[in-house]
Amino acid sequence: MINRKDYKVSDPGVAGAAGVARDVGLWFVLGSSLLLSLAYCPPFDRIVDDKEFFKYTGMVILKGGVPYRDFFDHKPPLIYFINAAGLLFGTWGLWAISAAMALGITYRFYQLCRKYRLGYPWVLPFLFNLMVRDNLISGGMHFTREYSTFFVMFFFITLMGRSKYRYFLLGLFAALTFFTQQDQVLLLAPLTLCVLFEKDQLSPFNRCVRMSVGFLSIAAALVLYFAVHRSLSWFWQDAYGFNFSWYLTEKKSFGDHFRTIKRVLDHGNYELPFMIALVLGVTSLFLQNRRKDLVAAAILAVILSMSSELMGGRLEGKGVPQDFNGYFLPLSAAVCMLLFIVVGFTEDRMITDRRAQLPFALLLCTSLTYTQLQHGTHLERRKDEEAVHASELAYLRGFRLADHQLFIMLDEAYGYYYNELKVVAPTPWVYQQFWLWYANWDSDQHILRSIGEDLLRYRTTFILMDPQSLVQMRNPVNIRWWMSFLREHYDPVTIPGHPYKMLWKLKETQ
């Protein structure tokens, strides 16, 4: 069991001062967490392709649909259920879920820092919020790695605590991580090994059993859900098999990975926290530290937190290395975990002295604080975005469309229309970027034919397609087949005052 003597103050005056300082620090980090989340509240929630798609999946679930059966995607399923839960509670529901999770982590993490007598217990909770809400990395709220990062932090807080349900909860949070973003469970592996082999009254076997029960409590519920809906094969094929067959097949060189990591860390102001944590972590292996095994595990967790970048190239079929800033969001948890273990278990005065910690605290937080101030003072309102005032959307609003009466082809930027009009697409193939990425994707037009069959079966009234997106399809045969189908069954629509034709309407003879 991880043990640490509670901090006690014998002098009533000192105790009172400590209580005031504690309250100020706690309210500061809680207030900061809420304020940072408010920068992404619904009036300022920017329209982003992935977020709009996840909201769409939540809408489909609330209308009785089943993930993978009624919409294709290659993410694990929890992000869809989180979005469904958010939509269930209205416009602010999803924001409230994310903000509440951030607040919960902030409160528990602050209490943990006090328990382990960190010199400045507010620094690491504050740093976590600065990093997880860094718009240059996250791109906003409600992405999969945001929620998986939350679950990683709950795992770590449980790991360092003394709950009698500790091992069950560790397994549960590991499962929540895995079924939100598969690869993020890798960063929990070295910490889990430390848990299994540390000194404890329970044997490693009993600990493993309790963690397995926690993990299976989530896994079994999901398997049962998909089994009841006869969708287990789709669940396995899309959420796991697809990634190994397509998404992870493109590789980068070690040099390209290194350059991507350097660019993203520098761009998002993650570089200083990353370097400080890594340097202090490696240094503490040679200083007096009572849990060097945890330090080594946390260092490895920092590296594994970048697994989304390290596991594949994501070259989008073009052979050009791409930078995906959001892949690095889990560093917000891994960096704070490493810093906590370094400071919480060190016995070297070079680190324990509050005066020595102050420069590190300033270096960790100053640049990120400026980033947040820059973002917070330049917020753009959602209602002012160009997509909200698009001529096509205004035109479609006049028809009071029902489910299956709109299909958007090859441009996920317009996926926002499904949510705005509250309609479900006629086909599961709403996520379509692979036609633009891979020349051998759907080479026999099997998927395109299934889309065409669904459009005719539901007599879908409108198709929205940007002609510039169509020419980006990698396979010319697919372009020809789709245009042939479109011209046979649909006519282009001219919107008054908007000559650029993007809408097609079902022919009256169909």
Protein backbone atom coordinates (compact mmCIF):
# COMPACT_ATOMS: atom_id res chain seq x y z
CA MET A 1 0.00 0.00 0.00
CA ILE A 2 1.24 3.50 -0.77
CA ASN A 3 1.59 5.23 2.59
CA ARG A 4 2.29 8.79 3.61
CA LYS A 5 1.87 10.32 7.07
CA ASP A 6 -0.83 12.96 7.28
CA TYR A 7 0.36 16.51 7.71
CA LYS A 8 -0.47 17.80 11.21
CA VAL A 9 -0.03 21.27 12.68
CA SER A 10 0.11 21.55 16.46
CA ASP A 11 0.07 25.34 16.86
CA PRO A 12 -3.55 26.65 16.60
CA GLY A 13 -2.36 29.88 14.96
CA VAL A 14 -0.37 28.02 12.37
CA ALA A 15 -3.26 25.61 11.86
CA GLY A 16 -5.63 28.52 11.25
CA ALA A 17 -3.27 30.13 8.74
CA ALA A 18 -2.85 26.78 6.99
CA GLY A 19 -6.64 26.41 6.80
CA VAL A 20 -7.04 29.84 5.21
CA ALA A 21 -4.25 29.12 2.72
CA ARG A 22 -5.86 25.79 1.91
CA ASP A 23 -9.25 27.38 1.26
CA VAL A 24 -7.75 30.09 -0.93
CA GLY A 25 -5.77 27.55 -2.95
CA LEU A 26 -8.78 25.27 -3.33
CA TRP A 27 -11.13 28.03 -4.45
CA PHE A 28 -8.47 29.35 -6.81
CA VAL A 29 -8.05 26.04 -8.65
CA LEU A 30 -11.80 25.32 -8.70
CA GLY A 31 -12.55 28.81 -9.98
CA SER A 32 -9.81 28.52 -12.60
CA SER A 33 -11.16 25.17 -13.77
CA LEU A 34 -14.68 26.54 -14.17
CA LEU A 35 -13.46 29.70 -15.89
CA LEU A 36 -11.33 27.74 -18.36
CA SER A 37 -14.30 25.50 -19.17
CA LEU A 38 -16.57 28.51 -19.68
CA ALA A 39 -14.39 29.58 -22.61
CA TYR A 40 -15.93 26.62 -24.46
CA CYS A 41 -19.53 26.88 -23.27
CA PRO A 42 -22.30 26.56 -25.91
CA PRO A 43 -22.33 30.23 -27.04
CA PHE A 44 -18.59 29.93 -27.80
CA ASP A 45 -18.49 26.27 -28.83
CA ARG A 46 -16.88 26.39 -32.27
CA ILE A 47 -18.20 24.18 -35.07
CA VAL A 48 -15.59 21.45 -35.61
CA ASP A 49 -16.05 18.37 -37.81
CA ASP A 50 -15.29 15.69 -35.22
CA LYS A 51 -17.34 17.32 -32.46
CA GLU A 52 -20.34 17.69 -34.74
CA PHE A 53 -20.04 14.06 -35.78
CA PHE A 54 -19.96 12.93 -32.14
CA LYS A 55 -23.03 15.05 -31.41
CA TYR A 56 -24.68 13.40 -34.39
CA THR A 57 -23.94 9.95 -32.95
CA GLY A 58 -25.53 11.01 -29.67
CA MET A 59 -28.63 12.13 -31.55
CA VAL A 60 -28.82 8.81 -33.41
CA ILE A 61 -28.65 6.89 -30.12
CA LEU A 62 -31.42 9.00 -28.58
CA LYS A 63 -33.54 8.25 -31.66
CA GLY A 64 -33.09 4.52 -31.11
CA GLY A 65 -30.02 3.91 -33.26
CA VAL A 66 -27.09 1.67 -32.36
CA PRO A 67 -23.41 2.61 -32.78
CA TYR A 68 -21.64 0.95 -35.74
CA ARG A 69 -24.91 -0.52 -37.02
CA ASP A 70 -26.58 2.83 -37.72
CA PHE A 71 -23.45 4.91 -38.21
CA PHE A 72 -19.89 3.96 -39.10
CA ASP A 73 -16.94 5.12 -37.02
CA HIS A 74 -13.70 3.61 -35.77
CA LYS A 75 -13.72 5.02 -32.20
CA PRO A 76 -14.64 2.98 -29.12
CA PRO A 77 -18.27 3.46 -28.07
CA LEU A 78 -18.19 5.52 -24.86
CA ILE A 79 -17.79 8.85 -26.65
CA TYR A 80 -21.15 8.25 -28.36
CA PHE A 81 -22.92 7.51 -25.08
CA ILE A 82 -21.34 10.56 -23.44
CA ASN A 83 -22.72 12.72 -26.25
CA ALA A 84 -26.13 11.05 -25.97
CA ALA A 85 -26.16 11.80 -22.23
CA GLY A 86 -25.19 15.40 -22.91
CA LEU A 87 -27.94 15.90 -25.49
CA LEU A 88 -30.44 14.34 -23.10
CA PHE A 89 -29.89 17.28 -20.74
CA GLY A 90 -30.21 19.98 -23.37
CA THR A 91 -27.92 22.54 -24.95
CA TRP A 92 -25.64 22.84 -21.92
CA GLY A 93 -25.70 19.15 -21.04
CA LEU A 94 -22.49 18.04 -22.73
CA TRP A 95 -20.61 21.09 -21.49
CA ALA A 96 -21.85 20.40 -17.94
CA ILE A 97 -20.55 16.82 -18.09
CA SER A 98 -17.07 17.90 -19.17
CA ALA A 99 -16.90 20.85 -16.77
CA ALA A 100 -18.09 18.69 -13.86
CA MET A 101 -15.46 16.05 -14.59
CA ALA A 102 -12.73 18.71 -14.71
CA LEU A 103 -13.96 20.19 -11.43
CA GLY A 104 -14.09 16.77 -9.79
CA ILE A 105 -10.53 15.98 -10.83
CA THR A 106 -9.35 19.43 -9.72
CA TYR A 107 -10.87 19.02 -6.26
CA ARG A 108 -9.58 15.46 -5.71
CA PHE A 109 -6.14 16.27 -7.14
CA TYR A 110 -5.80 19.31 -4.90
CA GLN A 111 -6.72 17.25 -1.84
CA LEU A 112 -4.16 14.64 -2.90
CA CYS A 113 -1.45 17.29 -3.25
CA ARG A 114 -2.21 18.53 0.26
CA LYS A 115 -2.22 15.01 1.65
CA TYR A 116 1.24 14.41 0.23
CA ARG A 117 2.40 17.80 1.53
CA LEU A 118 3.43 19.36 -1.75
CA GLY A 119 4.86 22.83 -1.17
CA TYR A 120 2.34 24.49 -3.52
CA PRO A 121 -0.64 22.12 -3.66
CA TRP A 122 -2.50 24.33 -6.15
CA VAL A 123 0.20 24.24 -8.84
CA LEU A 124 -0.39 20.79 -10.32
CA PRO A 125 -4.23 21.00 -10.38
CA PHE A 126 -3.88 24.42 -12.00
CA LEU A 127 -1.34 23.09 -14.50
CA PHE A 128 -3.61 20.20 -15.42
CA ASN A 129 -6.48 22.56 -16.20
CA LEU A 130 -4.22 24.86 -18.22
CA MET A 131 -3.00 21.93 -20.31
CA VAL A 132 -6.25 20.06 -20.81
CA ARG A 133 -8.02 23.29 -21.87
CA ASP A 134 -5.16 24.49 -24.09
CA ASN A 135 -7.00 25.41 -27.29
CA LEU A 136 -3.80 25.12 -29.35
CA ILE A 137 -3.72 21.40 -28.49
CA SER A 138 -7.30 20.41 -27.75
CA GLY A 139 -9.05 22.53 -30.38
CA GLY A 140 -11.99 22.86 -27.99
CA MET A 141 -14.00 20.54 -25.76
CA HIS A 142 -15.80 17.22 -26.25
CA PHE A 143 -13.15 15.23 -28.09
CA THR A 144 -12.37 11.59 -27.25
CA ARG A 145 -8.91 12.26 -25.81
CA GLU A 146 -10.33 14.87 -23.46
CA TYR A 147 -12.55 12.28 -21.79
CA SER A 148 -9.93 9.52 -21.86
CA THR A 149 -7.53 11.98 -20.19
CA PHE A 150 -10.11 12.62 -17.48
CA PHE A 151 -10.40 8.88 -16.85
CA VAL A 152 -6.59 8.59 -16.70
CA MET A 153 -6.53 11.26 -14.00
CA PHE A 154 -9.28 9.52 -12.01
CA PHE A 155 -7.20 6.33 -12.29
CA PHE A 156 -4.13 8.09 -10.94
CA ILE A 157 -5.98 9.80 -8.07
CA THR A 158 -7.43 6.42 -7.09
CA LEU A 159 -3.97 4.83 -7.37
CA MET A 160 -2.52 7.32 -4.88
CA GLY A 161 -5.49 7.08 -2.51
CA ARG A 162 -6.61 4.61 0.11
CA SER A 163 -10.16 3.71 -0.86
CA LYS A 164 -11.23 0.22 0.18
CA TYR A 165 -12.53 -0.18 -3.37
CA ARG A 166 -9.20 0.96 -4.75
CA TYR A 167 -8.42 -2.00 -7.01
CA PHE A 168 -11.96 -2.31 -8.32
CA LEU A 169 -11.97 1.40 -9.20
CA LEU A 170 -8.58 1.14 -10.88
CA GLY A 171 -9.96 -1.55 -13.16
CA LEU A 172 -13.12 0.46 -13.78
CA PHE A 173 -11.24 3.63 -14.77
CA ALA A 174 -8.89 1.57 -16.96
CA ALA A 175 -11.94 0.19 -18.77
CA LEU A 176 -13.46 3.66 -19.18
CA THR A 177 -10.16 4.80 -20.69
CA PHE A 178 -9.94 1.82 -23.03
CA PHE A 179 -13.51 2.14 -24.30
CA THR A 180 -13.11 5.87 -24.88
CA GLN A 181 -9.69 5.89 -26.61
CA GLN A 182 -8.13 2.44 -26.98
CA ASP A 183 -4.44 3.27 -27.06
CA GLN A 184 -4.55 5.57 -24.02
CA VAL A 185 -4.77 2.52 -21.77
CA LEU A 186 -1.11 1.90 -22.63
CA LEU A 187 0.05 4.76 -20.41
CA LEU A 188 -1.72 3.09 -17.48
CA ALA A 189 0.18 -0.17 -17.96
CA PRO A 190 3.45 0.77 -16.14
CA LEU A 191 1.51 2.28 -13.23
CA THR A 192 -0.64 -0.85 -13.02
CA LEU A 193 2.46 -3.03 -12.78
CA CYS A 194 3.62 -0.95 -9.83
CA VAL A 195 0.25 -1.49 -8.16
CA LEU A 196 0.40 -5.24 -8.63
CA PHE A 197 3.88 -5.63 -7.17
CA GLU A 198 3.91 -3.05 -4.36
CA LYS A 199 3.72 -4.15 -0.72
CA ASP A 200 0.14 -4.75 0.35
CA GLN A 201 -1.93 -7.03 2.57
CA LEU A 202 -3.63 -8.43 -0.53
CA SER A 203 -1.70 -10.80 -2.76
CA PRO A 204 -0.95 -9.71 -6.35
CA PHE A 205 -3.44 -12.34 -7.51
CA ASN A 206 -6.26 -10.87 -5.40
CA ARG A 207 -5.41 -7.38 -6.57
CA CYS A 208 -5.47 -8.53 -10.18
CA VAL A 209 -8.84 -10.22 -9.64
CA ARG A 210 -10.39 -7.08 -8.16
CA MET A 211 -9.05 -4.91 -10.96
CA SER A 212 -10.35 -7.41 -13.51
CA VAL A 213 -13.81 -7.28 -11.93
CA GLY A 214 -13.74 -3.48 -12.22
CA PHE A 215 -12.66 -3.66 -15.86
CA LEU A 216 -15.21 -6.33 -16.74
CA SER A 217 -18.05 -4.37 -15.13
CA ILE A 218 -17.74 -1.89 -18.02
CA ALA A 219 -16.72 -4.36 -20.71
CA ALA A 220 -19.57 -6.77 -19.90
CA ALA A 221 -22.16 -3.98 -19.97
CA LEU A 222 -21.00 -2.89 -23.43
CA VAL A 223 -20.82 -6.43 -24.79
CA LEU A 224 -24.32 -7.12 -23.45
CA TYR A 225 -25.63 -3.92 -25.04
CA PHE A 226 -24.26 -4.78 -28.48
CA ALA A 227 -25.29 -8.43 -28.15
CA VAL A 228 -28.88 -7.46 -27.35
CA HIS A 229 -28.88 -5.20 -30.42
CA ARG A 230 -27.18 -7.90 -32.54
CA SER A 231 -24.30 -5.56 -33.32
CA LEU A 232 -21.30 -7.30 -31.78
CA SER A 233 -19.67 -8.03 -35.13
CA TRP A 234 -20.02 -4.39 -36.23
CA PHE A 235 -18.64 -3.26 -32.86
CA TRP A 236 -15.54 -5.42 -33.17
CA GLN A 237 -14.96 -4.81 -36.87
CA ASP A 238 -15.33 -1.02 -36.80
CA ALA A 239 -13.93 -0.04 -33.39
CA TYR A 240 -10.94 -2.39 -33.44
CA GLY A 241 -10.47 -4.39 -36.63
CA PHE A 242 -10.74 -1.38 -38.91
CA ASN A 243 -7.93 0.50 -37.18
CA PHE A 244 -5.46 -2.34 -37.68
CA SER A 245 -6.57 -2.93 -41.27
CA TRP A 246 -6.44 0.70 -42.40
CA TYR A 247 -5.82 3.42 -39.86
CA LEU A 248 -2.52 2.14 -38.44
CA THR A 249 -1.03 0.78 -41.64
CA GLU A 250 0.72 4.01 -42.69
CA LYS A 251 4.08 4.53 -40.98
CA LYS A 252 6.31 7.49 -40.25
CA SER A 253 10.05 7.39 -39.83
CA PHE A 254 11.50 7.96 -36.36
CA GLY A 255 12.72 11.36 -37.56
CA ASP A 256 9.24 12.35 -38.75
CA HIS A 257 7.74 11.33 -35.40
CA PHE A 258 10.37 13.36 -33.58
CA ARG A 259 9.76 16.42 -35.73
CA THR A 260 6.00 16.15 -35.25
CA ILE A 261 6.41 15.88 -31.48
CA LYS A 262 8.73 18.90 -31.43
CA ARG A 263 6.41 21.02 -33.58
CA VAL A 264 3.26 20.19 -31.61
CA LEU A 265 4.82 20.64 -28.17
CA ASP A 266 6.24 23.99 -29.25
CA HIS A 267 3.04 25.12 -30.97
CA GLY A 268 0.83 24.29 -27.98
CA ASN A 269 3.17 25.61 -25.26
CA TYR A 270 3.50 22.06 -23.92
CA GLU A 271 7.26 22.07 -24.40
CA LEU A 272 8.27 23.60 -21.04
CA PRO A 273 6.01 21.38 -18.86
CA PHE A 274 7.10 18.33 -20.85
CA MET A 275 10.82 19.07 -20.53
CA ILE A 276 10.65 20.11 -16.87
CA ALA A 277 8.71 16.96 -15.93
CA LEU A 278 11.03 14.70 -17.90
CA VAL A 279 14.22 16.28 -16.57
CA LEU A 280 13.01 16.23 -12.97
CA GLY A 281 11.81 12.68 -13.41
CA VAL A 282 15.10 11.38 -14.76
CA THR A 283 17.06 13.40 -12.18
CA SER A 284 15.01 12.03 -9.28
CA LEU A 285 16.06 8.50 -10.26
CA PHE A 286 19.54 9.48 -9.05
CA LEU A 287 18.38 11.46 -5.99
CA GLN A 288 16.75 10.37 -2.76
CA ASN A 289 13.26 9.22 -3.68
CA ARG A 290 11.34 6.50 -1.86
CA ARG A 291 9.34 5.35 -4.91
CA LYS A 292 11.78 5.22 -7.79
CA ASP A 293 9.69 2.43 -9.27
CA LEU A 294 6.75 4.85 -9.57
CA VAL A 295 9.01 7.54 -10.99
CA ALA A 296 10.25 5.16 -13.69
CA ALA A 297 6.66 4.07 -14.41
CA ALA A 298 5.51 7.69 -14.70
CA ILE A 299 8.36 8.54 -17.08
CA LEU A 300 7.31 5.62 -19.27
CA ALA A 301 3.69 6.80 -19.00
CA VAL A 302 4.71 10.22 -20.36
CA ILE A 303 6.21 8.54 -23.43
CA LEU A 304 3.24 6.20 -23.86
CA SER A 305 0.80 9.10 -23.57
CA MET A 306 1.94 10.00 -27.11
CA SER A 307 1.00 6.53 -28.39
CA SER A 308 -1.56 7.94 -30.83
CA GLU A 309 1.29 9.66 -32.63
CA LEU A 310 3.79 6.83 -32.25
CA MET A 311 1.52 4.00 -33.44
CA GLY A 312 1.05 5.15 -37.01
CA GLY A 313 1.67 7.71 -39.70
CA ARG A 314 -1.83 9.04 -40.43
CA LEU A 315 -0.49 10.29 -43.74
CA GLU A 316 -4.01 10.54 -45.20
CA GLY A 317 -2.89 8.46 -48.15
CA LYS A 318 -0.68 11.26 -49.43
CA GLY A 319 2.71 10.22 -48.06
CA VAL A 320 3.07 13.58 -46.31
CA PRO A 321 3.50 13.52 -42.50
CA GLN A 322 0.59 15.17 -40.72
CA ASP A 323 0.50 16.84 -37.30
CA PHE A 324 -2.54 16.06 -35.17
CA ASN A 325 -2.29 18.31 -32.13
CA GLY A 326 -5.13 16.61 -30.29
CA TYR A 327 -3.13 13.37 -30.08
CA PHE A 328 -0.97 15.05 -27.43
CA LEU A 329 -3.74 16.05 -25.02
CA PRO A 330 -3.09 13.02 -22.72
CA LEU A 331 0.25 14.65 -21.86
CA SER A 332 -1.76 17.00 -19.64
CA ALA A 333 -2.37 14.05 -17.33
CA ALA A 334 0.96 12.26 -17.77
CA VAL A 335 3.08 15.37 -17.06
CA CYS A 336 1.13 16.18 -13.89
CA MET A 337 1.33 12.57 -12.71
CA LEU A 338 5.11 12.50 -13.13
CA LEU A 339 5.61 15.84 -11.39
CA PHE A 340 3.40 14.71 -8.50
CA ILE A 341 5.38 11.50 -7.97
CA VAL A 342 8.71 13.31 -8.20
CA VAL A 343 7.77 15.94 -5.62
CA GLY A 344 5.51 13.77 -3.47
CA PHE A 345 8.08 11.07 -2.74
CA THR A 346 11.37 12.91 -2.94
CA GLU A 347 13.60 13.25 0.12
CA ASP A 348 16.13 15.54 -1.48
CA ARG A 349 16.04 19.15 -0.27
CA MET A 350 16.91 20.36 -3.75
CA ILE A 351 13.30 19.50 -4.68
CA THR A 352 11.41 19.64 -1.36
CA ASP A 353 12.42 23.22 -0.54
CA ARG A 354 9.54 25.56 -1.39
CA ARG A 355 11.98 28.21 -2.57
CA ALA A 356 13.42 25.74 -5.05
CA GLN A 357 9.93 24.77 -6.26
CA LEU A 358 8.78 28.34 -6.94
CA PRO A 359 10.81 28.90 -10.18
CA PHE A 360 9.58 25.57 -11.51
CA ALA A 361 5.98 26.52 -10.70
CA LEU A 362 6.34 29.78 -12.60
CA LEU A 363 7.99 28.08 -15.57
CA LEU A 364 5.27 25.43 -15.69
CA CYS A 365 2.32 27.81 -15.62
CA THR A 366 3.31 31.23 -16.98
CA SER A 367 3.34 30.54 -20.73
CA LEU A 368 0.21 28.38 -20.59
CA THR A 369 -1.58 31.06 -18.56
CA TYR A 370 -0.75 33.61 -21.27
CA THR A 371 -2.10 31.18 -23.89
CA GLN A 372 -5.38 30.92 -21.98
CA LEU A 373 -5.62 34.70 -21.57
CA GLN A 374 -5.00 35.17 -25.28
CA HIS A 375 -7.73 32.67 -26.10
CA GLY A 376 -10.17 33.98 -23.49
CA THR A 377 -9.91 37.56 -24.72
CA HIS A 378 -10.51 36.61 -28.36
CA LEU A 379 -13.50 34.30 -28.13
CA GLU A 380 -15.65 33.97 -31.22
CA ARG A 381 -19.36 33.39 -30.85
CA ARG A 382 -20.82 30.29 -32.45
CA LYS A 383 -23.73 32.25 -33.93
CA ASP A 384 -21.29 34.38 -35.93
CA GLU A 385 -19.68 31.48 -37.76
CA GLU A 386 -20.09 31.32 -41.51
CA ALA A 387 -21.58 27.80 -41.41
CA VAL A 388 -24.52 29.04 -39.30
CA HIS A 389 -25.51 31.56 -41.99
CA ALA A 390 -24.88 29.37 -45.05
CA SER A 391 -27.40 29.77 -47.87
CA GLU A 392 -27.85 26.00 -48.16
CA LEU A 393 -28.78 25.67 -44.50
CA ALA A 394 -31.26 28.54 -44.70
CA TYR A 395 -32.80 26.93 -47.78
CA LEU A 396 -33.10 23.51 -46.13
CA ARG A 397 -34.69 24.97 -42.99
CA GLY A 398 -37.70 25.92 -45.11
CA PHE A 399 -38.57 22.28 -45.84
CA ARG A 400 -38.93 20.92 -42.26
CA LEU A 401 -37.01 17.82 -43.23
CA ALA A 402 -37.63 14.47 -41.55
CA ASP A 403 -35.07 11.76 -40.84
CA HIS A 404 -33.34 10.28 -43.91
CA GLN A 405 -34.28 13.24 -46.12
CA LEU A 406 -30.80 14.79 -46.22
CA PHE A 407 -27.47 13.24 -47.13
CA ILE A 408 -24.12 15.06 -47.06
CA MET A 409 -21.46 13.64 -49.34
CA LEU A 410 -17.70 13.94 -48.84
CA ASP A 411 -17.60 17.05 -46.69
CA GLU A 412 -17.79 16.50 -42.96
CA ALA A 413 -17.64 20.25 -42.37
CA TYR A 414 -21.32 20.28 -43.30
CA GLY A 415 -22.14 17.51 -40.80
CA TYR A 416 -23.27 20.36 -38.59
CA TYR A 417 -26.45 20.46 -40.72
CA TYR A 418 -27.64 17.10 -39.39
CA ASN A 419 -27.53 18.41 -35.83
CA GLU A 420 -28.99 21.80 -36.68
CA LEU A 421 -31.90 20.28 -38.61
CA LYS A 422 -32.13 17.34 -36.15
CA VAL A 423 -32.28 14.72 -38.90
CA VAL A 424 -30.63 11.32 -39.21
CA ALA A 425 -28.85 10.45 -42.46
CA PRO A 426 -30.30 7.69 -44.66
CA THR A 427 -27.06 5.68 -44.53
CA PRO A 428 -24.55 4.68 -41.84
CA TRP A 429 -21.76 6.19 -43.99
CA VAL A 430 -21.70 9.71 -42.60
CA TYR A 431 -17.97 9.52 -41.83
CA GLN A 432 -16.45 9.51 -45.32
CA GLN A 433 -12.89 10.84 -45.30
CA PHE A 434 -11.40 7.53 -46.44
CA TRP A 435 -12.54 8.07 -50.02
CA LEU A 436 -10.29 11.15 -49.93
CA TRP A 437 -7.39 9.35 -48.25
CA TYR A 438 -6.94 5.95 -49.84
CA ALA A 439 -6.90 5.12 -53.55
CA ASN A 440 -7.89 1.50 -52.87
CA TRP A 441 -10.72 2.34 -50.47
CA ASP A 442 -14.03 0.93 -51.74
CA SER A 443 -12.36 0.03 -55.03
CA ASP A 444 -15.35 -2.09 -56.12
CA GLN A 445 -17.86 0.65 -55.18
CA HIS A 446 -19.57 -1.73 -52.74
CA ILE A 447 -20.05 0.99 -50.11
CA LEU A 448 -21.05 3.62 -52.67
CA ARG A 449 -23.67 1.24 -54.07
CA SER A 450 -25.05 0.63 -50.57
CA ILE A 451 -25.32 4.40 -50.09
CA GLY A 452 -27.17 4.71 -53.40
CA GLU A 453 -29.56 1.91 -52.40
CA ASP A 454 -30.29 3.62 -49.07
CA LEU A 455 -30.93 6.96 -50.76
CA LEU A 456 -33.45 5.40 -53.13
CA ARG A 457 -35.03 3.24 -50.42
CA TYR A 458 -35.77 6.26 -48.23
CA ARG A 459 -36.42 8.50 -51.22
CA THR A 460 -33.95 11.00 -49.75
CA THR A 461 -34.99 14.45 -50.93
CA PHE A 462 -31.66 16.34 -50.78
CA ILE A 463 -27.99 15.58 -51.26
CA LEU A 464 -25.46 18.24 -50.31
CA MET A 465 -22.08 17.92 -51.99
CA ASP A 466 -19.31 20.40 -52.66
CA PRO A 467 -18.01 19.66 -56.20
CA GLN A 468 -14.51 20.58 -55.04
CA SER A 469 -14.61 17.70 -52.54
CA LEU A 470 -15.68 15.22 -55.20
CA VAL A 471 -12.58 15.81 -57.33
CA GLN A 472 -10.43 14.97 -54.28
CA MET A 473 -11.62 11.35 -54.26
CA ARG A 474 -8.52 9.24 -54.77
CA ASN A 475 -10.13 6.67 -57.07
CA PRO A 476 -11.42 8.08 -60.40
CA VAL A 477 -13.72 5.08 -60.84
CA ASN A 478 -15.52 6.04 -57.63
CA ILE A 479 -15.96 9.60 -58.94
CA ARG A 480 -17.48 8.37 -62.18
CA TRP A 481 -19.83 5.93 -60.46
CA TRP A 482 -21.10 8.51 -57.99
CA MET A 483 -21.67 11.20 -60.63
CA SER A 484 -23.49 8.72 -62.82
CA PHE A 485 -25.81 7.81 -59.94
CA LEU A 486 -26.32 11.46 -59.02
CA ARG A 487 -27.22 12.59 -62.53
CA GLU A 488 -29.61 9.66 -63.01
CA HIS A 489 -31.64 10.25 -59.84
CA TYR A 490 -31.09 13.88 -58.79
CA ASP A 491 -31.19 17.37 -60.27
CA PRO A 492 -28.97 20.30 -59.17
CA VAL A 493 -30.73 23.02 -57.16
CA THR A 494 -30.13 26.70 -57.74
CA ILE A 495 -30.50 28.71 -54.53
CA PRO A 496 -31.55 32.33 -55.17
CA GLY A 497 -28.60 34.67 -54.73
CA HIS A 498 -26.17 31.79 -54.46
CA PRO A 499 -25.05 30.53 -57.89
CA TYR A 500 -22.53 27.97 -56.54
CA LYS A 501 -24.46 24.68 -56.81
CA MET A 502 -24.01 22.33 -53.84
CA LEU A 503 -27.53 20.93 -53.43
CA TRP A 504 -29.17 18.16 -55.47
CA LYS A 505 -32.85 17.28 -55.26
CA LEU A 506 -34.54 13.97 -56.00
CA LYS A 507 -36.14 13.95 -59.45
CA GLU A 508 -39.92 14.11 -59.48
CA THR A 509 -40.09 10.90 -61.56
CA GLN A 510 -38.24 8.87 -58.93
